[in-house]
C-alpha atoms as a PDB file:
ATOM      1  CA  UNK A   1       0.000   0.000   0.000  1.00  0.00           C
ATOM      2  CA  UNK A   2       1.174   3.511  -0.671  1.00  0.00           C
ATOM      3  CA  UNK A   3       0.114   7.136  -0.659  1.00  0.00           C
ATOM      4  CA  UNK A   4       0.650   9.511  -3.552  1.00  0.00           C
ATOM      5  CA  UNK A   5       0.413  13.214  -2.808  1.00  0.00           C
ATOM      6  CA  UNK A   6       0.077  16.032  -5.298  1.00  0.00           C
ATOM      7  CA  UNK A   7      -0.993  19.648  -5.609  1.00  0.00           C
ATOM      8  CA  UNK A   8       1.793  21.667  -4.065  1.00  0.00           C
ATOM      9  CA  UNK A   9       3.263  24.725  -5.696  1.00  0.00           C
ATOM     10  CA  UNK A  10       3.998  28.413  -5.449  1.00  0.00           C
ATOM     11  CA  UNK A  11       1.216  30.825  -4.577  1.00  0.00           C
ATOM     12  CA  UNK A  12       0.972  34.403  -3.411  1.00  0.00           C
ATOM     13  CA  UNK A  13      -0.232  35.254   0.061  1.00  0.00           C
ATOM     14  CA  UNK A  14      -4.011  35.211   0.176  1.00  0.00           C
ATOM     15  CA  UNK A  15      -4.210  32.600  -2.544  1.00  0.00           C
ATOM     16  CA  UNK A  16      -5.450  29.029  -2.496  1.00  0.00           C
ATOM     17  CA  UNK A  17      -4.159  25.556  -3.234  1.00  0.00           C
ATOM     18  CA  UNK A  18      -5.672  22.103  -3.016  1.00  0.00           C
ATOM     19  CA  UNK A  19      -3.597  19.098  -2.062  1.00  0.00           C
ATOM     20  CA  UNK A  20      -4.633  15.560  -2.939  1.00  0.00           C
ATOM     21  CA  UNK A  21      -3.471  12.253  -1.541  1.00  0.00           C
ATOM     22  CA  UNK A  22      -4.546   8.950  -3.010  1.00  0.00           C
ATOM     23  CA  UNK A  23      -4.094   5.591  -1.338  1.00  0.00           C
ATOM     24  CA  UNK A  24      -3.442   2.599  -3.548  1.00  0.00           C
ATOM     25  CA  UNK A  25      -2.755  -1.088  -3.201  1.00  0.00           C
ATOM     26  CA  UNK A  26      -4.726  -3.763  -1.414  1.00  0.00           C
ATOM     27  CA  UNK A  27      -6.630  -1.792   1.184  1.00  0.00           C
ATOM     28  CA  UNK A  28      -9.005  -3.390   3.652  1.00  0.00           C
ATOM     29  CA  UNK A  29      -9.487  -0.446   5.941  1.00  0.00           C
ATOM     30  CA  UNK A  30      -8.736   3.253   6.223  1.00  0.00           C
ATOM     31  CA  UNK A  31      -9.194   4.428   9.772  1.00  0.00           C
ATOM     32  CA  UNK A  32      -7.774   7.911   9.345  1.00  0.00           C
ATOM     33  CA  UNK A  33      -6.101  10.150   6.808  1.00  0.00           C
ATOM     34  CA  UNK A  34      -4.377  13.435   7.348  1.00  0.00           C
ATOM     35  CA  UNK A  35      -1.795  16.011   6.462  1.00  0.00           C
ATOM     36  CA  UNK A  36       1.337  17.074   8.300  1.00  0.00           C
ATOM     37  CA  UNK A  37       3.815  19.774   7.388  1.00  0.00           C
ATOM     38  CA  UNK A  38       7.435  20.487   8.056  1.00  0.00           C
ATOM     39  CA  UNK A  39       8.978  23.894   7.602  1.00  0.00           C
ATOM     40  CA  UNK A  40      12.761  24.289   7.285  1.00  0.00           C
ATOM     41  CA  UNK A  41      14.445  23.736  10.615  1.00  0.00           C
ATOM     42  CA  UNK A  42      11.218  22.789  12.344  1.00  0.00           C
ATOM     43  CA  UNK A  43       9.535  19.588  13.410  1.00  0.00           C
ATOM     44  CA  UNK A  44       6.803  17.909  11.449  1.00  0.00           C
ATOM     45  CA  UNK A  45       3.405  18.864  12.855  1.00  0.00           C
ATOM     46  CA  UNK A  46      -0.198  17.903  12.253  1.00  0.00           C
ATOM     47  CA  UNK A  47      -2.173  20.193   9.963  1.00  0.00           C
ATOM     48  CA  UNK A  48      -5.470  18.352   9.702  1.00  0.00           C
ATOM     49  CA  UNK A  49      -6.870  14.868   9.976  1.00  0.00           C
ATOM     50  CA  UNK A  50     -10.097  13.044   9.330  1.00  0.00           C
ATOM     51  CA  UNK A  51     -10.875   9.935  11.350  1.00  0.00           C
ATOM     52  CA  UNK A  52     -13.573   7.386  10.723  1.00  0.00           C
ATOM     53  CA  UNK A  53     -16.304   7.653  13.291  1.00  0.00           C
ATOM     54  CA  UNK A  54     -14.755  10.725  14.875  1.00  0.00           C
ATOM     55  CA  UNK A  55     -14.567  13.535  12.379  1.00  0.00           C
ATOM     56  CA  UNK A  56     -12.024  16.194  11.579  1.00  0.00           C
ATOM     57  CA  UNK A  57      -9.249  17.825  13.558  1.00  0.00           C
ATOM     58  CA  UNK A  58      -7.258  20.938  12.697  1.00  0.00           C
ATOM     59  CA  UNK A  59      -4.213  22.724  13.984  1.00  0.00           C
ATOM     60  CA  UNK A  60      -5.209  26.041  15.533  1.00  0.00           C
ATOM     61  CA  UNK A  61      -3.094  27.909  13.009  1.00  0.00           C
ATOM     62  CA  UNK A  62      -5.177  26.684  10.053  1.00  0.00           C
ATOM     63  CA  UNK A  63      -8.688  26.622  11.508  1.00  0.00           C
ATOM     64  CA  UNK A  64     -11.087  28.582   9.340  1.00  0.00           C
ATOM     65  CA  UNK A  65      -8.682  28.591   6.399  1.00  0.00           C
ATOM     66  CA  UNK A  66      -8.038  24.922   5.592  1.00  0.00           C
ATOM     67  CA  UNK A  67     -10.579  22.181   5.001  1.00  0.00           C
ATOM     68  CA  UNK A  68      -9.841  18.475   4.931  1.00  0.00           C
ATOM     69  CA  UNK A  69     -12.242  16.157   3.149  1.00  0.00           C
ATOM     70  CA  UNK A  70     -12.586  12.585   2.040  1.00  0.00           C
ATOM     71  CA  UNK A  71     -15.667  12.464  -0.190  1.00  0.00           C
ATOM     72  CA  UNK A  72     -17.721   9.286   0.023  1.00  0.00           C
ATOM     73  CA  UNK A  73     -15.050   7.736   2.236  1.00  0.00           C
ATOM     74  CA  UNK A  74     -12.985   7.015  -0.846  1.00  0.00           C
ATOM     75  CA  UNK A  75      -9.277   6.344  -0.888  1.00  0.00           C
ATOM     76  CA  UNK A  76      -8.403   9.987  -1.511  1.00  0.00           C
ATOM     77  CA  UNK A  77      -8.106  12.832   0.955  1.00  0.00           C
ATOM     78  CA  UNK A  78      -8.016  16.490   0.018  1.00  0.00           C
ATOM     79  CA  UNK A  79      -6.734  19.564   1.791  1.00  0.00           C
ATOM     80  CA  UNK A  80      -8.245  22.792   0.535  1.00  0.00           C
ATOM     81  CA  UNK A  81      -6.041  25.645   1.661  1.00  0.00           C
ATOM     82  CA  UNK A  82      -7.414  29.178   1.440  1.00  0.00           C
ATOM     83  CA  UNK A  83      -6.093  32.535   2.605  1.00  0.00           C
ATOM     84  CA  UNK A  84      -2.585  31.176   2.537  1.00  0.00           C
ATOM     85  CA  UNK A  85       0.104  32.949   4.513  1.00  0.00           C
ATOM     86  CA  UNK A  86       3.886  32.929   4.133  1.00  0.00           C
ATOM     87  CA  UNK A  87       4.089  30.966   7.373  1.00  0.00           C
ATOM     88  CA  UNK A  88       2.205  28.130   5.681  1.00  0.00           C
ATOM     89  CA  UNK A  89       5.292  27.504   3.569  1.00  0.00           C
ATOM     90  CA  UNK A  90       6.435  23.945   4.214  1.00  0.00           C
ATOM     91  CA  UNK A  91       6.679  20.469   2.823  1.00  0.00           C
ATOM     92  CA  UNK A  92       3.294  18.831   3.292  1.00  0.00           C
ATOM     93  CA  UNK A  93       3.116  15.100   3.948  1.00  0.00           C
ATOM     94  CA  UNK A  94       0.129  12.842   3.620  1.00  0.00           C
ATOM     95  CA  UNK A  95      -0.391  10.236   6.332  1.00  0.00           C
ATOM     96  CA  UNK A  96      -2.917   7.463   6.737  1.00  0.00           C
ATOM     97  CA  UNK A  97      -3.826   4.488   8.863  1.00  0.00           C
ATOM     98  CA  UNK A  98      -4.113   1.846   6.146  1.00  0.00           C
ATOM     99  CA  UNK A  99      -4.894  -1.708   7.173  1.00  0.00           C
ATOM    100  CA  UNK A 100      -3.952  -0.726  10.759  1.00  0.00           C
ATOM    101  CA  UNK A 101      -0.507   0.410   9.620  1.00  0.00           C
ATOM    102  CA  UNK A 102       0.886   3.942   9.663  1.00  0.00           C
ATOM    103  CA  UNK A 103       1.767   4.936   6.101  1.00  0.00           C
ATOM    104  CA  UNK A 104       3.432   8.128   4.853  1.00  0.00           C
ATOM    105  CA  UNK A 105       3.394   9.570   1.389  1.00  0.00           C
ATOM    106  CA  UNK A 106       6.106  11.633  -0.210  1.00  0.00           C
ATOM    107  CA  UNK A 107       6.084  15.315   0.595  1.00  0.00           C
ATOM    108  CA  UNK A 108       4.794  18.054  -1.629  1.00  0.00           C
ATOM    109  CA  UNK A 109       6.232  21.549  -1.335  1.00  0.00           C
ATOM    110  CA  UNK A 110       3.954  24.507  -0.720  1.00  0.00           C
ATOM    111  CA  UNK A 111       5.567  27.927  -1.008  1.00  0.00           C
ATOM    112  CA  UNK A 112       3.618  31.066  -0.165  1.00  0.00           C
ATOM    113  CA  UNK A 113       5.214  34.324  -1.236  1.00  0.00           C
ATOM    114  CA  UNK A 114       4.519  37.612   0.509  1.00  0.00           C
END
């Protein structure tokens, strides 16, 4: 099983981007999917997650600006990022609990210019 992330890029402050992450392989269960980010010189931190039977969770810094979704409980999770700020610049990583295993996708770079 693997995760494939896409959608990063360069955007001006105030702009929007949408990240996608698709899970593939033989998948019996997806308990949670989410996004983390890591800025240069900083630790990787949770941005948003969506958990089966629980709902969504967001970092305080992105509440009201970012929306995580997983339409129809499919194998793809999206992160809609609006009102982007320079401090959102980071490598964004997709993460998921697939078949009760913790799986990471490759990172996708988001750069927000001021």
